[in-house]
Amino acid sequence: MIQQLLAYGTLIIAAGYLVWKFLLPKSFFKGNDNSNSCGSDNCGCS
Protein backbone atom coordinates (compact mmCIF):
# COMPACT_ATOMS: atom_id res chain seq x y z
CA MET A 1 0.00 0.00 0.00
CA ILE A 2 2.67 2.52 0.98
CA GLN A 3 4.84 1.44 -1.93
CA GLN A 4 2.01 2.18 -4.36
CA LEU A 5 1.47 5.62 -2.85
CA LEU A 6 5.15 6.44 -3.18
CA ALA A 7 5.22 5.19 -6.77
CA TYR A 8 2.14 7.20 -7.77
CA GLY A 9 3.42 10.27 -5.97
CA THR A 10 6.73 10.03 -7.81
CA LEU A 11 4.90 9.60 -11.11
CA ILE A 12 2.74 12.66 -10.48
CA ILE A 13 5.74 14.77 -9.50
CA ALA A 14 7.67 13.67 -12.60
CA ALA A 15 4.73 14.35 -14.93
CA GLY A 16 4.16 17.75 -13.33
CA TYR A 17 7.81 18.65 -13.74
CA LEU A 18 7.79 17.70 -17.43
CA VAL A 19 4.66 19.76 -18.06
CA TRP A 20 6.13 22.73 -16.19
CA LYS A 21 9.48 22.47 -17.97
CA PHE A 22 8.42 21.82 -21.57
CA LEU A 23 4.74 22.49 -22.17
CA LEU A 24 4.00 25.73 -20.35
CA PRO A 25 4.98 28.88 -22.26
CA LYS A 26 7.82 30.87 -20.76
CA SER A 27 5.97 34.16 -21.23
CA PHE A 28 3.28 32.88 -18.86
CA PHE A 29 5.64 33.38 -15.92
CA LYS A 30 7.45 36.52 -17.08
CA GLY A 31 4.42 38.65 -17.96
CA ASN A 32 4.27 41.12 -20.81
CA ASP A 33 7.52 42.62 -22.05
CA ASN A 34 6.98 45.76 -24.10
CA SER A 35 10.61 46.83 -24.29
CA ASN A 36 10.65 46.73 -28.12
CA SER A 37 7.61 48.96 -28.68
CA CYS A 38 7.99 52.27 -30.46
CA GLY A 39 4.81 54.05 -29.46
CA SER A 40 1.43 53.79 -27.88
CA ASP A 41 0.13 51.34 -30.50
CA ASN A 42 2.76 48.69 -29.54
CA CYS A 43 3.90 48.11 -33.13
CA GLY A 44 7.22 46.49 -32.16
CA CYS A 45 9.46 48.43 -34.56
CA SER A 46 13.07 49.00 -33.58
PDB file of N, CA and C in Angstrom:
ATOM      1  N   MET A   1       0.816  -1.195   0.000  1.00  0.00           N
ATOM      2  CA  MET A   1       0.000   0.000   0.000  1.00  0.00           C
ATOM      3  C   MET A   1       0.865   1.266   0.000  1.00  0.00           C
ATOM      4  N   ILE A   2       1.810   1.340   0.912  1.00  0.00           N
ATOM      5  CA  ILE A   2       2.673   2.523   0.979  1.00  0.00           C
ATOM      6  C   ILE A   2       3.575   2.598  -0.256  1.00  0.00           C
ATOM      7  N   GLN A   3       3.998   1.451  -0.748  1.00  0.00           N
ATOM      8  CA  GLN A   3       4.843   1.438  -1.932  1.00  0.00           C
ATOM      9  C   GLN A   3       4.079   1.974  -3.144  1.00  0.00           C
ATOM     10  N   GLN A   4       2.813   1.658  -3.266  1.00  0.00           N
ATOM     11  CA  GLN A   4       2.006   2.185  -4.365  1.00  0.00           C
ATOM     12  C   GLN A   4       1.819   3.691  -4.241  1.00  0.00           C
ATOM     13  N   LEU A   5       1.609   4.170  -3.039  1.00  0.00           N
ATOM     14  CA  LEU A   5       1.467   5.618  -2.846  1.00  0.00           C
ATOM     15  C   LEU A   5       2.749   6.353  -3.222  1.00  0.00           C
ATOM     16  N   LEU A   6       3.880   5.807  -2.820  1.00  0.00           N
ATOM     17  CA  LEU A   6       5.154   6.437  -3.179  1.00  0.00           C
ATOM     18  C   LEU A   6       5.383   6.401  -4.688  1.00  0.00           C
ATOM     19  N   ALA A   7       5.032   5.299  -5.327  1.00  0.00           N
ATOM     20  CA  ALA A   7       5.218   5.185  -6.772  1.00  0.00           C
ATOM     21  C   ALA A   7       4.317   6.166  -7.512  1.00  0.00           C
ATOM     22  N   TYR A   8       3.049   6.254  -7.119  1.00  0.00           N
ATOM     23  CA  TYR A   8       2.141   7.196  -7.769  1.00  0.00           C
ATOM     24  C   TYR A   8       2.522   8.647  -7.483  1.00  0.00           C
ATOM     25  N   GLY A   9       2.970   8.923  -6.297  1.00  0.00           N
ATOM     26  CA  GLY A   9       3.425  10.268  -5.970  1.00  0.00           C
ATOM     27  C   GLY A   9       4.622  10.681  -6.812  1.00  0.00           C
ATOM     28  N   THR A  10       5.566   9.762  -6.976  1.00  0.00           N
ATOM     29  CA  THR A  10       6.733  10.035  -7.810  1.00  0.00           C
ATOM     30  C   THR A  10       6.326  10.250  -9.259  1.00  0.00           C
ATOM     31  N   LEU A  11       5.383   9.454  -9.736  1.00  0.00           N
ATOM     32  CA  LEU A  11       4.903   9.596 -11.109  1.00  0.00           C
ATOM     33  C   LEU A  11       4.224  10.946 -11.317  1.00  0.00           C
ATOM     34  N   ILE A  12       3.422  11.378 -10.367  1.00  0.00           N
ATOM     35  CA  ILE A  12       2.739  12.663 -10.475  1.00  0.00           C
ATOM     36  C   ILE A  12       3.733  13.819 -10.434  1.00  0.00           C
ATOM     37  N   ILE A  13       4.722  13.720  -9.569  1.00  0.00           N
ATOM     38  CA  ILE A  13       5.739  14.772  -9.496  1.00  0.00           C
ATOM     39  C   ILE A  13       6.542  14.845 -10.795  1.00  0.00           C
ATOM     40  N   ALA A  14       6.901  13.685 -11.348  1.00  0.00           N
ATOM     41  CA  ALA A  14       7.672  13.667 -12.598  1.00  0.00           C
ATOM     42  C   ALA A  14       6.852  14.221 -13.755  1.00  0.00           C
ATOM     43  N   ALA A  15       5.586  13.838 -13.849  1.00  0.00           N
ATOM     44  CA  ALA A  15       4.734  14.345 -14.927  1.00  0.00           C
ATOM     45  C   ALA A  15       4.522  15.850 -14.783  1.00  0.00           C
ATOM     46  N   GLY A  16       4.326  16.318 -13.554  1.00  0.00           N
ATOM     47  CA  GLY A  16       4.159  17.753 -13.331  1.00  0.00           C
ATOM     48  C   GLY A  16       5.405  18.537 -13.694  1.00  0.00           C
ATOM     49  N   TYR A  17       6.560  17.974 -13.392  1.00  0.00           N
ATOM     50  CA  TYR A  17       7.813  18.646 -13.745  1.00  0.00           C
ATOM     51  C   TYR A  17       7.969  18.743 -15.259  1.00  0.00           C
ATOM     52  N   LEU A  18       7.656  17.677 -15.970  1.00  0.00           N
ATOM     53  CA  LEU A  18       7.787  17.702 -17.429  1.00  0.00           C
ATOM     54  C   LEU A  18       6.825  18.700 -18.060  1.00  0.00           C
ATOM     55  N   VAL A  19       5.619  18.781 -17.544  1.00  0.00           N
ATOM     56  CA  VAL A  19       4.657  19.756 -18.060  1.00  0.00           C
ATOM     57  C   VAL A  19       5.149  21.168 -17.776  1.00  0.00           C
ATOM     58  N   TRP A  20       5.642  21.406 -16.555  1.00  0.00           N
ATOM     59  CA  TRP A  20       6.131  22.734 -16.186  1.00  0.00           C
ATOM     60  C   TRP A  20       7.358  23.127 -17.010  1.00  0.00           C
ATOM     61  N   LYS A  21       8.221  22.176 -17.295  1.00  0.00           N
ATOM     62  CA  LYS A  21       9.484  22.471 -17.973  1.00  0.00           C
ATOM     63  C   LYS A  21       9.301  22.658 -19.477  1.00  0.00           C
ATOM     64  N   PHE A  22       8.459  21.838 -20.114  1.00  0.00           N
ATOM     65  CA  PHE A  22       8.422  21.818 -21.574  1.00  0.00           C
ATOM     66  C   PHE A  22       7.118  22.309 -22.192  1.00  0.00           C
ATOM     67  N   LEU A  23       6.000  22.181 -21.520  1.00  0.00           N
ATOM     68  CA  LEU A  23       4.736  22.490 -22.173  1.00  0.00           C
ATOM     69  C   LEU A  23       4.197  23.872 -21.854  1.00  0.00           C
ATOM     70  N   LEU A  24       4.496  24.398 -20.686  1.00  0.00           N
ATOM     71  CA  LEU A  24       4.000  25.733 -20.353  1.00  0.00           C
ATOM     72  C   LEU A  24       4.845  26.796 -21.051  1.00  0.00           C
ATOM     73  N   PRO A  25       4.210  27.822 -21.601  1.00  0.00           N
ATOM     74  CA  PRO A  25       4.984  28.885 -22.263  1.00  0.00           C
ATOM     75  C   PRO A  25       5.784  29.694 -21.251  1.00  0.00           C
ATOM     76  N   LYS A  26       6.958  30.107 -21.650  1.00  0.00           N
ATOM     77  CA  LYS A  26       7.823  30.866 -20.758  1.00  0.00           C
ATOM     78  C   LYS A  26       7.269  32.266 -20.495  1.00  0.00           C
ATOM     79  N   SER A  27       6.531  32.828 -21.424  1.00  0.00           N
ATOM     80  CA  SER A  27       5.969  34.161 -21.232  1.00  0.00           C
ATOM     81  C   SER A  27       4.848  34.149 -20.199  1.00  0.00           C
ATOM     82  N   PHE A  28       4.332  32.983 -19.869  1.00  0.00           N
ATOM     83  CA  PHE A  28       3.284  32.875 -18.862  1.00  0.00           C
ATOM     84  C   PHE A  28       3.787  33.301 -17.495  1.00  0.00           C
ATOM     85  N   PHE A  29       5.065  33.045 -17.208  1.00  0.00           N
ATOM     86  CA  PHE A  29       5.638  33.377 -15.920  1.00  0.00           C
ATOM     87  C   PHE A  29       6.287  34.750 -15.897  1.00  0.00           C
ATOM     88  N   LYS A  30       6.725  35.262 -17.046  1.00  0.00           N
ATOM     89  CA  LYS A  30       7.453  36.522 -17.079  1.00  0.00           C
ATOM     90  C   LYS A  30       6.545  37.729 -17.277  1.00  0.00           C
ATOM     91  N   GLY A  31       5.331  37.530 -17.726  1.00  0.00           N
ATOM     92  CA  GLY A  31       4.421  38.648 -17.960  1.00  0.00           C
ATOM     93  C   GLY A  31       4.676  39.271 -19.323  1.00  0.00           C
ATOM     94  N   ASN A  32       4.117  40.431 -19.538  1.00  0.00           N
ATOM     95  CA  ASN A  32       4.265  41.120 -20.815  1.00  0.00           C
ATOM     96  C   ASN A  32       5.536  41.953 -20.817  1.00  0.00           C
ATOM     97  N   ASP A  33       6.289  41.849 -21.904  1.00  0.00           N
ATOM     98  CA  ASP A  33       7.516  42.620 -22.050  1.00  0.00           C
ATOM     99  C   ASP A  33       7.361  43.525 -23.268  1.00  0.00           C
ATOM    100  N   ASN A  34       7.180  44.800 -23.024  1.00  0.00           N
ATOM    101  CA  ASN A  34       6.977  45.758 -24.105  1.00  0.00           C
ATOM    102  C   ASN A  34       8.209  46.608 -24.321  1.00  0.00           C
ATOM    103  N   SER A  35       9.389  46.044 -24.160  1.00  0.00           N
ATOM    104  CA  SER A  35      10.611  46.826 -24.288  1.00  0.00           C
ATOM    105  C   SER A  35      10.927  47.172 -25.742  1.00  0.00           C
ATOM    106  N   ASN A  36      10.336  46.459 -26.713  1.00  0.00           N
ATOM    107  CA  ASN A  36      10.652  46.732 -28.116  1.00  0.00           C
ATOM    108  C   ASN A  36       9.548  47.520 -28.799  1.00  0.00           C
ATOM    109  N   SER A  37       8.672  48.183 -28.061  1.00  0.00           N
ATOM    110  CA  SER A  37       7.609  48.964 -28.681  1.00  0.00           C
ATOM    111  C   SER A  37       8.125  50.365 -29.007  1.00  0.00           C
ATOM    112  N   CYS A  38       7.517  50.963 -30.026  1.00  0.00           N
ATOM    113  CA  CYS A  38       7.991  52.274 -30.462  1.00  0.00           C
ATOM    114  C   CYS A  38       6.937  53.348 -30.285  1.00  0.00           C
ATOM    115  N   GLY A  39       5.849  53.043 -29.646  1.00  0.00           N
ATOM    116  CA  GLY A  39       4.815  54.052 -29.458  1.00  0.00           C
ATOM    117  C   GLY A  39       3.667  53.498 -28.657  1.00  0.00           C
ATOM    118  N   SER A  40       2.574  54.214 -28.677  1.00  0.00           N
ATOM    119  CA  SER A  40       1.430  53.787 -27.878  1.00  0.00           C
ATOM    120  C   SER A  40       0.662  52.643 -28.526  1.00  0.00           C
ATOM    121  N   ASP A  41       0.868  52.416 -29.841  1.00  0.00           N
ATOM    122  CA  ASP A  41       0.131  51.338 -30.503  1.00  0.00           C
ATOM    123  C   ASP A  41       0.862  50.000 -30.447  1.00  0.00           C
ATOM    124  N   ASN A  42       2.046  49.947 -29.795  1.00  0.00           N
ATOM    125  CA  ASN A  42       2.757  48.693 -29.544  1.00  0.00           C
ATOM    126  C   ASN A  42       3.090  47.966 -30.845  1.00  0.00           C
ATOM    127  N   CYS A  43       3.650  48.697 -31.818  1.00  0.00           N
ATOM    128  CA  CYS A  43       3.898  48.114 -33.133  1.00  0.00           C
ATOM    129  C   CYS A  43       5.129  47.211 -33.148  1.00  0.00           C
ATOM    130  N   GLY A  44       6.062  47.364 -32.245  1.00  0.00           N
ATOM    131  CA  GLY A  44       7.216  46.493 -32.160  1.00  0.00           C
ATOM    132  C   GLY A  44       8.351  46.847 -33.105  1.00  0.00           C
ATOM    133  N   CYS A  45       8.357  48.056 -33.676  1.00  0.00           N
ATOM    134  CA  CYS A  45       9.457  48.430 -34.560  1.00  0.00           C
ATOM    135  C   CYS A  45      10.674  48.835 -33.738  1.00  0.00           C
ATOM    136  N   SER A  46      11.852  48.686 -34.345  1.00  0.00           N
ATOM    137  CA  SER A  46      13.069  48.997 -33.584  1.00  0.00           C
ATOM    138  C   SER A  46      13.699  50.303 -34.001  1.00  0.00           C
TER     139      SER A  46
END
